[in-house]
Amino acid sequence: MPELDIADAIVTRRFDLKDDRHVDIFIWAPSLNGADTYDCHYRISGIGRGSTLFARGLDGVQALHLALMAVGHRLYASAEYQAGHLTYLGRRDLCLPHGPGERPVFNDHEKADLLCEPGDICVLAMPDLRFPFIALPGEQAYRLIENLTRIADQIPVNALARKRLSNLLDGMNAYQRYYEAVCRNAGMPPAYDTADR
């Protein structure tokens, strides 16, 4: 890994933790590696190990985008964020990209607004986020859960693959219940039958 100086980082940001502590992120310019792809190194200081990691893309733009996504994922998934202790400019919206499956304000579905028809790609306006949360079409996710559950049932109970798939299904089921709750709150029931859930 190349020697990286914080002064050379092209992207920096400071987040606030409770008790006047801070979390800082540093992202360096993407650079061509020996495999004809680009690496974009990043570091998060103040929580976690403070290790320098990297995202790899086909070009510099993709590598930078993936590095920002990785930073967003690590911060939104952190215990500090989940406990409500990590903020940016006094808000829980960290103004970082996050991908489908991440739930920055997962327990606020009563306040979320549905911005689509229930059978379409789900777009939710979250109260504390500047950008909408975009997820799989509800019925596709529902069918995917059904299929993965059938696969899990065919794997021996003590197998590592079964445990990993069960963890994945727990998260997907929580996401699906969230989507359905938002649909109900909007007065628009999901476009599939949920009677067997």
N, C-alpha and C. Protein backbone atom coordinates (compact mmCIF):
# COMPACT_ATOMS: atom_id res chain seq x y z
N MET A 1 0.84 -1.18 0.00
CA MET A 1 0.00 0.00 0.00
C MET A 1 0.88 1.25 0.00
N PRO A 2 0.54 2.25 -0.83
CA PRO A 2 1.38 3.45 -0.87
C PRO A 2 1.33 4.21 0.45
N GLU A 3 2.40 4.96 0.72
CA GLU A 3 2.43 5.81 1.90
C GLU A 3 1.51 7.01 1.65
N LEU A 4 0.54 7.21 2.54
CA LEU A 4 -0.46 8.25 2.33
C LEU A 4 -0.37 9.29 3.43
N ASP A 5 -0.27 10.55 3.00
CA ASP A 5 -0.21 11.67 3.94
C ASP A 5 -1.59 12.32 4.00
N ILE A 6 -2.07 12.55 5.21
CA ILE A 6 -3.40 13.16 5.37
C ILE A 6 -3.48 14.49 4.62
N ALA A 7 -2.37 15.21 4.56
CA ALA A 7 -2.37 16.50 3.86
C ALA A 7 -2.66 16.35 2.37
N ASP A 8 -2.47 15.13 1.82
CA ASP A 8 -2.70 14.91 0.39
C ASP A 8 -4.12 14.43 0.09
N ALA A 9 -4.92 14.21 1.11
CA ALA A 9 -6.29 13.75 0.88
C ALA A 9 -7.06 14.80 0.08
N ILE A 10 -7.86 14.34 -0.88
CA ILE A 10 -8.62 15.28 -1.71
C ILE A 10 -10.03 15.51 -1.16
N VAL A 11 -10.48 14.64 -0.27
CA VAL A 11 -11.79 14.78 0.36
C VAL A 11 -11.62 14.56 1.86
N THR A 12 -12.10 15.51 2.65
CA THR A 12 -12.10 15.36 4.11
C THR A 12 -13.43 15.86 4.65
N ARG A 13 -13.81 15.30 5.76
CA ARG A 13 -15.02 15.80 6.44
C ARG A 13 -14.94 15.40 7.90
N ARG A 14 -15.46 16.28 8.75
CA ARG A 14 -15.51 16.00 10.19
C ARG A 14 -16.97 15.84 10.61
N PHE A 15 -17.22 14.74 11.35
CA PHE A 15 -18.53 14.47 11.94
C PHE A 15 -18.41 14.61 13.44
N ASP A 16 -19.53 14.83 14.09
CA ASP A 16 -19.53 15.01 15.53
C ASP A 16 -20.01 13.76 16.25
N LEU A 17 -19.33 13.44 17.34
CA LEU A 17 -19.77 12.41 18.27
C LEU A 17 -20.15 13.11 19.56
N LYS A 18 -20.89 12.42 20.42
CA LYS A 18 -21.21 13.05 21.70
C LYS A 18 -19.94 13.22 22.52
N ASP A 19 -20.02 14.02 23.56
CA ASP A 19 -18.88 14.31 24.45
C ASP A 19 -17.77 15.05 23.72
N ASP A 20 -18.14 15.91 22.75
CA ASP A 20 -17.17 16.75 22.04
C ASP A 20 -16.08 15.97 21.32
N ARG A 21 -16.36 14.72 20.95
CA ARG A 21 -15.42 13.96 20.14
C ARG A 21 -15.81 14.08 18.67
N HIS A 22 -14.93 13.62 17.78
CA HIS A 22 -15.16 13.77 16.34
C HIS A 22 -14.78 12.49 15.60
N VAL A 23 -15.34 12.36 14.42
CA VAL A 23 -14.96 11.33 13.46
C VAL A 23 -14.53 12.06 12.20
N ASP A 24 -13.37 11.75 11.68
CA ASP A 24 -12.86 12.38 10.47
C ASP A 24 -12.72 11.34 9.37
N ILE A 25 -13.06 11.74 8.14
CA ILE A 25 -12.82 10.86 6.99
C ILE A 25 -11.82 11.53 6.06
N PHE A 26 -11.00 10.70 5.43
CA PHE A 26 -9.99 11.17 4.47
C PHE A 26 -10.07 10.25 3.25
N ILE A 27 -10.15 10.85 2.08
CA ILE A 27 -10.16 10.08 0.83
C ILE A 27 -9.10 10.66 -0.09
N TRP A 28 -8.27 9.78 -0.64
CA TRP A 28 -7.19 10.22 -1.52
C TRP A 28 -7.60 10.05 -2.98
N ALA A 29 -6.90 10.72 -3.86
CA ALA A 29 -7.19 10.66 -5.29
C ALA A 29 -7.04 9.23 -5.80
N PRO A 30 -7.96 8.78 -6.64
CA PRO A 30 -7.82 7.44 -7.23
C PRO A 30 -6.52 7.36 -8.03
N SER A 31 -5.91 6.17 -8.00
CA SER A 31 -4.65 5.98 -8.74
C SER A 31 -4.69 4.65 -9.47
N LEU A 32 -4.06 4.62 -10.62
CA LEU A 32 -3.99 3.41 -11.43
C LEU A 32 -3.13 2.37 -10.72
N ASN A 33 -3.63 1.15 -10.66
CA ASN A 33 -2.83 0.08 -10.07
C ASN A 33 -2.30 -0.83 -11.16
N GLY A 34 -1.62 -1.88 -10.77
CA GLY A 34 -1.00 -2.76 -11.76
C GLY A 34 -1.97 -3.61 -12.55
N ALA A 35 -3.24 -3.61 -12.18
CA ALA A 35 -4.22 -4.45 -12.86
C ALA A 35 -5.08 -3.65 -13.85
N ASP A 36 -4.62 -2.47 -14.22
CA ASP A 36 -5.36 -1.59 -15.14
C ASP A 36 -6.72 -1.18 -14.59
N THR A 37 -6.84 -1.17 -13.26
CA THR A 37 -8.02 -0.61 -12.60
C THR A 37 -7.51 0.47 -11.64
N TYR A 38 -8.43 1.14 -10.97
CA TYR A 38 -8.07 2.26 -10.10
C TYR A 38 -8.41 1.94 -8.65
N ASP A 39 -7.53 2.32 -7.76
CA ASP A 39 -7.77 2.19 -6.32
C ASP A 39 -7.98 3.58 -5.73
N CYS A 40 -8.96 3.69 -4.85
CA CYS A 40 -9.20 4.95 -4.14
C CYS A 40 -9.13 4.64 -2.65
N HIS A 41 -8.08 5.11 -2.00
CA HIS A 41 -7.85 4.83 -0.59
C HIS A 41 -8.66 5.80 0.28
N TYR A 42 -9.10 5.27 1.44
CA TYR A 42 -9.84 6.10 2.38
C TYR A 42 -9.54 5.64 3.80
N ARG A 43 -9.78 6.54 4.75
CA ARG A 43 -9.56 6.23 6.16
C ARG A 43 -10.63 6.93 6.98
N ILE A 44 -11.11 6.24 8.01
CA ILE A 44 -12.05 6.81 8.97
C ILE A 44 -11.34 6.84 10.32
N SER A 45 -11.21 8.01 10.91
CA SER A 45 -10.54 8.14 12.21
C SER A 45 -11.57 8.59 13.25
N GLY A 46 -11.48 8.01 14.43
CA GLY A 46 -12.37 8.40 15.52
C GLY A 46 -13.29 7.29 15.96
N ILE A 47 -13.58 6.35 15.05
CA ILE A 47 -14.29 5.12 15.40
C ILE A 47 -13.64 3.99 14.61
N GLY A 48 -13.82 2.78 15.08
CA GLY A 48 -13.21 1.64 14.39
C GLY A 48 -11.70 1.63 14.57
N ARG A 49 -11.03 0.93 13.68
CA ARG A 49 -9.58 0.74 13.80
C ARG A 49 -8.76 1.87 13.21
N GLY A 50 -9.36 2.70 12.39
CA GLY A 50 -8.60 3.77 11.75
C GLY A 50 -7.69 3.28 10.65
N SER A 51 -7.98 2.08 10.12
CA SER A 51 -7.14 1.51 9.05
C SER A 51 -7.38 2.25 7.74
N THR A 52 -6.38 2.24 6.88
CA THR A 52 -6.54 2.76 5.53
C THR A 52 -7.00 1.62 4.64
N LEU A 53 -8.14 1.81 3.99
CA LEU A 53 -8.73 0.80 3.11
C LEU A 53 -8.83 1.39 1.71
N PHE A 54 -9.32 0.61 0.76
CA PHE A 54 -9.47 1.17 -0.59
C PHE A 54 -10.66 0.54 -1.29
N ALA A 55 -11.19 1.29 -2.24
CA ALA A 55 -12.23 0.79 -3.15
C ALA A 55 -11.59 0.72 -4.53
N ARG A 56 -12.01 -0.28 -5.33
CA ARG A 56 -11.41 -0.49 -6.65
C ARG A 56 -12.49 -0.30 -7.72
N GLY A 57 -12.16 0.47 -8.75
CA GLY A 57 -13.10 0.70 -9.84
C GLY A 57 -12.44 0.56 -11.19
N LEU A 58 -13.27 0.51 -12.23
CA LEU A 58 -12.75 0.41 -13.58
C LEU A 58 -12.05 1.69 -14.02
N ASP A 59 -12.48 2.80 -13.43
CA ASP A 59 -11.81 4.08 -13.69
C ASP A 59 -11.82 4.88 -12.40
N GLY A 60 -11.22 6.07 -12.43
CA GLY A 60 -11.11 6.87 -11.22
C GLY A 60 -12.45 7.31 -10.66
N VAL A 61 -13.40 7.62 -11.54
CA VAL A 61 -14.72 8.06 -11.08
C VAL A 61 -15.41 6.95 -10.31
N GLN A 62 -15.40 5.74 -10.86
CA GLN A 62 -16.05 4.63 -10.18
C GLN A 62 -15.35 4.32 -8.85
N ALA A 63 -14.03 4.36 -8.82
CA ALA A 63 -13.30 4.08 -7.59
C ALA A 63 -13.64 5.11 -6.51
N LEU A 64 -13.72 6.39 -6.88
CA LEU A 64 -14.07 7.43 -5.92
C LEU A 64 -15.50 7.24 -5.42
N HIS A 65 -16.41 6.94 -6.34
CA HIS A 65 -17.80 6.72 -5.96
C HIS A 65 -17.92 5.55 -4.98
N LEU A 66 -17.22 4.45 -5.27
CA LEU A 66 -17.29 3.29 -4.40
C LEU A 66 -16.65 3.56 -3.04
N ALA A 67 -15.60 4.39 -3.02
CA ALA A 67 -15.00 4.76 -1.74
C ALA A 67 -15.98 5.56 -0.89
N LEU A 68 -16.70 6.50 -1.50
CA LEU A 68 -17.71 7.27 -0.77
C LEU A 68 -18.83 6.36 -0.26
N MET A 69 -19.24 5.40 -1.10
CA MET A 69 -20.26 4.45 -0.68
C MET A 69 -19.76 3.62 0.51
N ALA A 70 -18.50 3.20 0.46
CA ALA A 70 -17.94 2.39 1.54
C ALA A 70 -17.88 3.18 2.85
N VAL A 71 -17.47 4.44 2.76
CA VAL A 71 -17.43 5.29 3.95
C VAL A 71 -18.84 5.45 4.51
N GLY A 72 -19.80 5.73 3.61
CA GLY A 72 -21.19 5.89 4.06
C GLY A 72 -21.68 4.63 4.74
N HIS A 73 -21.42 3.48 4.13
CA HIS A 73 -21.88 2.22 4.72
C HIS A 73 -21.27 2.01 6.10
N ARG A 74 -19.97 2.23 6.23
CA ARG A 74 -19.32 2.00 7.52
C ARG A 74 -19.85 2.94 8.59
N LEU A 75 -20.11 4.20 8.24
CA LEU A 75 -20.60 5.13 9.25
C LEU A 75 -22.06 4.86 9.59
N TYR A 76 -22.91 4.65 8.58
CA TYR A 76 -24.33 4.39 8.87
C TYR A 76 -24.50 3.08 9.65
N ALA A 77 -23.62 2.11 9.43
CA ALA A 77 -23.73 0.81 10.11
C ALA A 77 -23.03 0.80 11.46
N SER A 78 -22.36 1.89 11.83
CA SER A 78 -21.59 1.90 13.08
C SER A 78 -22.51 1.93 14.30
N ALA A 79 -22.00 1.39 15.40
CA ALA A 79 -22.77 1.42 16.65
C ALA A 79 -23.02 2.85 17.09
N GLU A 80 -22.07 3.74 16.82
CA GLU A 80 -22.23 5.14 17.22
C GLU A 80 -23.39 5.80 16.48
N TYR A 81 -23.51 5.51 15.17
CA TYR A 81 -24.63 6.08 14.41
C TYR A 81 -25.94 5.48 14.86
N GLN A 82 -25.97 4.15 15.02
CA GLN A 82 -27.20 3.48 15.41
C GLN A 82 -27.69 3.96 16.77
N ALA A 83 -26.76 4.35 17.64
CA ALA A 83 -27.13 4.86 18.97
C ALA A 83 -27.53 6.34 18.93
N GLY A 84 -27.43 6.97 17.76
CA GLY A 84 -27.79 8.39 17.64
C GLY A 84 -26.70 9.35 18.08
N HIS A 85 -25.46 8.86 18.23
CA HIS A 85 -24.37 9.71 18.72
C HIS A 85 -23.53 10.33 17.61
N LEU A 86 -23.70 9.88 16.37
CA LEU A 86 -22.89 10.38 15.25
C LEU A 86 -23.75 11.28 14.37
N THR A 87 -23.35 12.54 14.21
CA THR A 87 -24.14 13.51 13.44
C THR A 87 -23.22 14.34 12.55
N TYR A 88 -23.85 15.02 11.59
CA TYR A 88 -23.13 15.97 10.73
C TYR A 88 -23.94 17.26 10.72
N LEU A 89 -23.32 18.35 11.12
CA LEU A 89 -23.99 19.65 11.22
C LEU A 89 -25.25 19.55 12.08
N GLY A 90 -25.16 18.73 13.13
CA GLY A 90 -26.27 18.60 14.06
C GLY A 90 -27.39 17.69 13.62
N ARG A 91 -27.25 17.02 12.47
CA ARG A 91 -28.32 16.17 11.94
C ARG A 91 -27.82 14.75 11.75
N ARG A 92 -28.78 13.81 11.75
CA ARG A 92 -28.43 12.40 11.52
C ARG A 92 -28.14 12.12 10.05
N ASP A 93 -28.56 13.00 9.15
CA ASP A 93 -28.19 12.85 7.73
C ASP A 93 -26.71 13.18 7.60
N LEU A 94 -25.90 12.18 7.31
CA LEU A 94 -24.45 12.37 7.20
C LEU A 94 -24.04 12.90 5.83
N CYS A 95 -25.03 13.10 4.93
CA CYS A 95 -24.75 13.61 3.58
C CYS A 95 -23.70 12.76 2.87
N LEU A 96 -23.84 11.46 3.00
CA LEU A 96 -23.00 10.50 2.30
C LEU A 96 -23.90 9.54 1.54
N PRO A 97 -23.44 9.02 0.41
CA PRO A 97 -24.29 8.08 -0.33
C PRO A 97 -24.47 6.78 0.45
N HIS A 98 -25.62 6.16 0.26
CA HIS A 98 -25.86 4.85 0.83
C HIS A 98 -26.63 4.05 -0.19
N GLY A 99 -26.51 2.75 -0.13
CA GLY A 99 -27.10 1.90 -1.16
C GLY A 99 -28.34 1.18 -0.68
N PRO A 100 -29.04 0.55 -1.63
CA PRO A 100 -30.21 -0.25 -1.25
C PRO A 100 -29.83 -1.28 -0.19
N GLY A 101 -30.69 -1.45 0.77
CA GLY A 101 -30.42 -2.39 1.84
C GLY A 101 -29.89 -1.72 3.09
N GLU A 102 -29.32 -0.53 2.97
CA GLU A 102 -28.91 0.22 4.15
C GLU A 102 -30.11 1.00 4.65
N ARG A 103 -30.26 1.05 5.97
CA ARG A 103 -31.43 1.68 6.54
C ARG A 103 -30.99 2.73 7.56
N PRO A 104 -30.56 3.91 7.11
CA PRO A 104 -30.03 4.90 8.05
C PRO A 104 -31.00 5.29 9.16
N VAL A 105 -32.29 5.37 8.88
CA VAL A 105 -33.26 5.76 9.90
C VAL A 105 -34.36 4.70 9.90
N PHE A 106 -33.95 3.47 10.12
CA PHE A 106 -34.83 2.32 9.92
C PHE A 106 -36.08 2.36 10.79
N ASN A 107 -36.01 2.91 11.98
CA ASN A 107 -37.14 2.84 12.90
C ASN A 107 -38.10 4.03 12.75
N ASP A 108 -37.94 4.85 11.75
CA ASP A 108 -38.81 6.01 11.56
C ASP A 108 -39.81 5.81 10.43
N HIS A 109 -40.25 4.57 10.17
CA HIS A 109 -41.13 4.35 9.03
C HIS A 109 -42.48 5.04 9.20
N GLU A 110 -42.88 5.34 10.45
CA GLU A 110 -44.15 6.03 10.63
C GLU A 110 -44.11 7.43 9.99
N LYS A 111 -42.91 8.00 9.88
CA LYS A 111 -42.78 9.35 9.36
C LYS A 111 -42.39 9.40 7.89
N ALA A 112 -42.08 8.25 7.29
CA ALA A 112 -41.59 8.23 5.91
C ALA A 112 -42.75 8.42 4.93
N ASP A 113 -42.47 9.02 3.80
CA ASP A 113 -43.45 9.23 2.74
C ASP A 113 -43.12 8.32 1.56
N LEU A 114 -44.13 7.63 1.03
CA LEU A 114 -43.96 6.78 -0.13
C LEU A 114 -44.06 7.66 -1.38
N LEU A 115 -43.06 7.59 -2.25
CA LEU A 115 -43.01 8.45 -3.43
C LEU A 115 -43.23 7.66 -4.72
N CYS A 116 -43.93 6.52 -4.63
CA CYS A 116 -44.13 5.70 -5.81
C CYS A 116 -45.37 4.84 -5.62
N GLU A 117 -45.74 4.12 -6.67
CA GLU A 117 -46.78 3.10 -6.54
C GLU A 117 -46.16 1.88 -5.87
N PRO A 118 -46.91 1.15 -5.04
CA PRO A 118 -46.31 0.03 -4.31
C PRO A 118 -45.65 -1.03 -5.17
N GLY A 119 -46.08 -1.24 -6.42
CA GLY A 119 -45.46 -2.26 -7.26
C GLY A 119 -44.21 -1.79 -7.96
N ASP A 120 -43.91 -0.50 -7.92
CA ASP A 120 -42.74 0.04 -8.59
C ASP A 120 -41.52 -0.05 -7.68
N ILE A 121 -40.37 0.41 -8.21
CA ILE A 121 -39.20 0.52 -7.35
C ILE A 121 -39.57 1.44 -6.19
N CYS A 122 -39.30 0.98 -4.99
CA CYS A 122 -39.75 1.70 -3.80
C CYS A 122 -38.85 2.91 -3.56
N VAL A 123 -39.46 4.09 -3.49
CA VAL A 123 -38.74 5.31 -3.18
C VAL A 123 -39.38 5.91 -1.93
N LEU A 124 -38.59 6.09 -0.89
CA LEU A 124 -39.09 6.60 0.37
C LEU A 124 -38.39 7.91 0.71
N ALA A 125 -39.17 8.92 1.08
CA ALA A 125 -38.57 10.17 1.56
C ALA A 125 -38.45 10.04 3.07
N MET A 126 -37.22 9.95 3.56
CA MET A 126 -37.00 9.76 4.98
C MET A 126 -36.90 11.12 5.67
N PRO A 127 -37.42 11.23 6.89
CA PRO A 127 -37.49 12.53 7.54
C PRO A 127 -36.15 13.19 7.81
N ASP A 128 -35.11 12.42 8.12
CA ASP A 128 -33.82 13.01 8.47
C ASP A 128 -32.78 12.92 7.37
N LEU A 129 -33.19 12.51 6.16
CA LEU A 129 -32.24 12.36 5.07
C LEU A 129 -32.55 13.34 3.95
N ARG A 130 -31.50 13.89 3.38
CA ARG A 130 -31.67 14.86 2.30
C ARG A 130 -32.13 14.19 1.03
N PHE A 131 -31.71 12.94 0.80
CA PHE A 131 -32.04 12.24 -0.43
C PHE A 131 -32.96 11.06 -0.12
N PRO A 132 -33.83 10.69 -1.07
CA PRO A 132 -34.73 9.55 -0.82
C PRO A 132 -33.98 8.23 -0.73
N PHE A 133 -34.59 7.29 -0.05
CA PHE A 133 -34.08 5.92 0.06
C PHE A 133 -34.73 5.12 -1.06
N ILE A 134 -33.93 4.48 -1.90
CA ILE A 134 -34.44 3.74 -3.06
C ILE A 134 -34.17 2.26 -2.83
N ALA A 135 -35.18 1.44 -3.03
CA ALA A 135 -35.06 0.02 -2.76
C ALA A 135 -35.64 -0.79 -3.90
N LEU A 136 -35.49 -2.11 -3.81
CA LEU A 136 -36.05 -3.01 -4.82
C LEU A 136 -37.56 -2.87 -4.89
N PRO A 137 -38.16 -3.14 -6.06
CA PRO A 137 -39.62 -3.24 -6.09
C PRO A 137 -40.08 -4.23 -5.03
N GLY A 138 -41.11 -3.87 -4.28
CA GLY A 138 -41.55 -4.68 -3.15
C GLY A 138 -41.84 -6.11 -3.50
N GLU A 139 -42.53 -6.35 -4.63
CA GLU A 139 -42.89 -7.72 -4.98
C GLU A 139 -41.66 -8.52 -5.36
N GLN A 140 -40.68 -7.90 -6.03
CA GLN A 140 -39.46 -8.63 -6.37
C GLN A 140 -38.71 -9.04 -5.12
N ALA A 141 -38.61 -8.13 -4.16
CA ALA A 141 -37.93 -8.46 -2.92
C ALA A 141 -38.69 -9.56 -2.17
N TYR A 142 -40.01 -9.49 -2.18
CA TYR A 142 -40.84 -10.49 -1.51
C TYR A 142 -40.60 -11.88 -2.12
N ARG A 143 -40.58 -11.96 -3.45
CA ARG A 143 -40.34 -13.24 -4.13
C ARG A 143 -38.91 -13.74 -3.89
N LEU A 144 -37.96 -12.81 -3.87
CA LEU A 144 -36.57 -13.19 -3.60
C LEU A 144 -36.45 -13.82 -2.21
N ILE A 145 -37.12 -13.22 -1.22
CA ILE A 145 -37.11 -13.77 0.13
C ILE A 145 -37.71 -15.18 0.13
N GLU A 146 -38.83 -15.36 -0.58
CA GLU A 146 -39.46 -16.69 -0.66
C GLU A 146 -38.48 -17.72 -1.23
N ASN A 147 -37.81 -17.37 -2.33
CA ASN A 147 -36.89 -18.30 -2.99
C ASN A 147 -35.68 -18.62 -2.11
N LEU A 148 -35.12 -17.60 -1.46
CA LEU A 148 -33.98 -17.83 -0.58
C LEU A 148 -34.36 -18.66 0.63
N THR A 149 -35.58 -18.49 1.12
CA THR A 149 -36.05 -19.30 2.24
C THR A 149 -36.14 -20.76 1.84
N ARG A 150 -36.63 -21.03 0.63
CA ARG A 150 -36.69 -22.42 0.14
C ARG A 150 -35.28 -23.02 0.04
N ILE A 151 -34.33 -22.22 -0.44
CA ILE A 151 -32.94 -22.71 -0.54
C ILE A 151 -32.38 -22.98 0.86
N ALA A 152 -32.63 -22.08 1.79
CA ALA A 152 -32.13 -22.25 3.15
C ALA A 152 -32.66 -23.52 3.79
N ASP A 153 -33.93 -23.84 3.49
CA ASP A 153 -34.54 -25.04 4.06
C ASP A 153 -33.89 -26.33 3.57
N GLN A 154 -33.15 -26.26 2.47
CA GLN A 154 -32.50 -27.46 1.91
C GLN A 154 -31.07 -27.63 2.41
N ILE A 155 -30.56 -26.64 3.16
CA ILE A 155 -29.19 -26.70 3.66
C ILE A 155 -29.21 -27.24 5.09
N PRO A 156 -28.29 -28.13 5.45
CA PRO A 156 -28.27 -28.65 6.83
C PRO A 156 -28.24 -27.53 7.86
N VAL A 157 -28.96 -27.73 8.96
CA VAL A 157 -29.17 -26.68 9.97
C VAL A 157 -27.85 -26.13 10.50
N ASN A 158 -26.86 -26.96 10.74
CA ASN A 158 -25.61 -26.51 11.36
C ASN A 158 -24.59 -26.00 10.36
N ALA A 159 -24.89 -26.03 9.09
CA ALA A 159 -23.92 -25.60 8.07
C ALA A 159 -23.71 -24.09 8.12
N LEU A 160 -22.46 -23.67 7.87
CA LEU A 160 -22.14 -22.24 7.88
C LEU A 160 -22.95 -21.49 6.83
N ALA A 161 -23.15 -22.10 5.67
CA ALA A 161 -23.94 -21.45 4.61
C ALA A 161 -25.36 -21.18 5.08
N ARG A 162 -25.93 -22.09 5.86
CA ARG A 162 -27.29 -21.90 6.38
C ARG A 162 -27.33 -20.72 7.34
N LYS A 163 -26.32 -20.61 8.20
CA LYS A 163 -26.28 -19.50 9.15
C LYS A 163 -26.15 -18.17 8.43
N ARG A 164 -25.27 -18.13 7.42
CA ARG A 164 -25.09 -16.88 6.67
C ARG A 164 -26.35 -16.50 5.92
N LEU A 165 -26.99 -17.48 5.31
CA LEU A 165 -28.22 -17.21 4.58
C LEU A 165 -29.33 -16.78 5.53
N SER A 166 -29.37 -17.37 6.72
CA SER A 166 -30.38 -16.98 7.72
C SER A 166 -30.18 -15.53 8.15
N ASN A 167 -28.91 -15.13 8.34
CA ASN A 167 -28.64 -13.73 8.70
C ASN A 167 -29.08 -12.78 7.59
N LEU A 168 -28.79 -13.16 6.35
CA LEU A 168 -29.22 -12.35 5.21
C LEU A 168 -30.74 -12.24 5.17
N LEU A 169 -31.42 -13.36 5.38
CA LEU A 169 -32.89 -13.37 5.34
C LEU A 169 -33.48 -12.54 6.48
N ASP A 170 -32.86 -12.55 7.64
CA ASP A 170 -33.34 -11.71 8.75
C ASP A 170 -33.35 -10.25 8.35
N GLY A 171 -32.24 -9.80 7.73
CA GLY A 171 -32.17 -8.40 7.29
C GLY A 171 -33.17 -8.10 6.19
N MET A 172 -33.31 -9.02 5.23
CA MET A 172 -34.25 -8.80 4.13
C MET A 172 -35.69 -8.78 4.62
N ASN A 173 -36.02 -9.64 5.58
CA ASN A 173 -37.37 -9.64 6.13
C ASN A 173 -37.66 -8.35 6.89
N ALA A 174 -36.66 -7.85 7.62
CA ALA A 174 -36.86 -6.58 8.33
C ALA A 174 -37.09 -5.45 7.33
N TYR A 175 -36.30 -5.44 6.27
CA TYR A 175 -36.47 -4.44 5.21
C TYR A 175 -37.86 -4.54 4.59
N GLN A 176 -38.31 -5.78 4.34
CA GLN A 176 -39.61 -5.97 3.69
C GLN A 176 -40.75 -5.51 4.60
N ARG A 177 -40.67 -5.81 5.89
CA ARG A 177 -41.69 -5.34 6.83
C ARG A 177 -41.73 -3.81 6.87
N TYR A 178 -40.55 -3.20 6.77
CA TYR A 178 -40.45 -1.74 6.75
C TYR A 178 -41.16 -1.18 5.52
N TYR A 179 -40.88 -1.76 4.36
CA TYR A 179 -41.51 -1.32 3.11
C TYR A 179 -43.03 -1.45 3.22
N GLU A 180 -43.51 -2.58 3.73
CA GLU A 180 -44.95 -2.80 3.84
C GLU A 180 -45.59 -1.84 4.82
N ALA A 181 -44.89 -1.53 5.92
CA ALA A 181 -45.43 -0.57 6.88
C ALA A 181 -45.57 0.81 6.27
N VAL A 182 -44.58 1.21 5.48
CA VAL A 182 -44.65 2.52 4.82
C VAL A 182 -45.81 2.55 3.84
N CYS A 183 -45.99 1.46 3.08
CA CYS A 183 -47.13 1.39 2.15
C CYS A 183 -48.45 1.54 2.90
N ARG A 184 -48.59 0.82 4.02
CA ARG A 184 -49.84 0.90 4.79
C ARG A 184 -50.06 2.30 5.33
N ASN A 185 -48.98 2.93 5.83
CA ASN A 185 -49.10 4.28 6.37
C ASN A 185 -49.53 5.27 5.29
N ALA A 186 -49.16 4.98 4.04
CA ALA A 186 -49.53 5.86 2.92
C ALA A 186 -50.92 5.52 2.39
N GLY A 187 -51.57 4.51 2.98
CA GLY A 187 -52.89 4.11 2.51
C GLY A 187 -52.85 3.35 1.20
N MET A 188 -51.69 2.75 0.88
CA MET A 188 -51.52 2.02 -0.38
C MET A 188 -50.96 0.65 -0.04
N PRO A 189 -51.80 -0.36 0.11
CA PRO A 189 -51.29 -1.68 0.48
C PRO A 189 -50.32 -2.21 -0.57
N PRO A 190 -49.34 -3.04 -0.17
CA PRO A 190 -48.39 -3.60 -1.13
C PRO A 190 -49.11 -4.32 -2.27
N ALA A 191 -48.47 -4.38 -3.42
CA ALA A 191 -49.09 -4.97 -4.62
C ALA A 191 -48.88 -6.47 -4.65
N TYR A 192 -48.96 -7.14 -3.50
CA TYR A 192 -48.86 -8.59 -3.43
C TYR A 192 -49.53 -9.01 -2.11
N ASP A 193 -49.85 -10.29 -2.00
CA ASP A 193 -50.56 -10.79 -0.85
C ASP A 193 -49.59 -11.06 0.30
N THR A 194 -49.82 -10.43 1.45
CA THR A 194 -48.93 -10.62 2.60
C THR A 194 -49.60 -11.48 3.68
N ALA A 195 -50.71 -12.13 3.34
CA ALA A 195 -51.47 -12.87 4.35
C ALA A 195 -50.69 -14.01 4.97
N ASP A 196 -49.74 -14.58 4.20
CA ASP A 196 -49.01 -15.73 4.73
C ASP A 196 -47.76 -15.35 5.50
N ARG A 197 -47.54 -14.06 5.74
CA ARG A 197 -46.33 -13.64 6.45
C ARG A 197 -46.61 -13.46 7.93
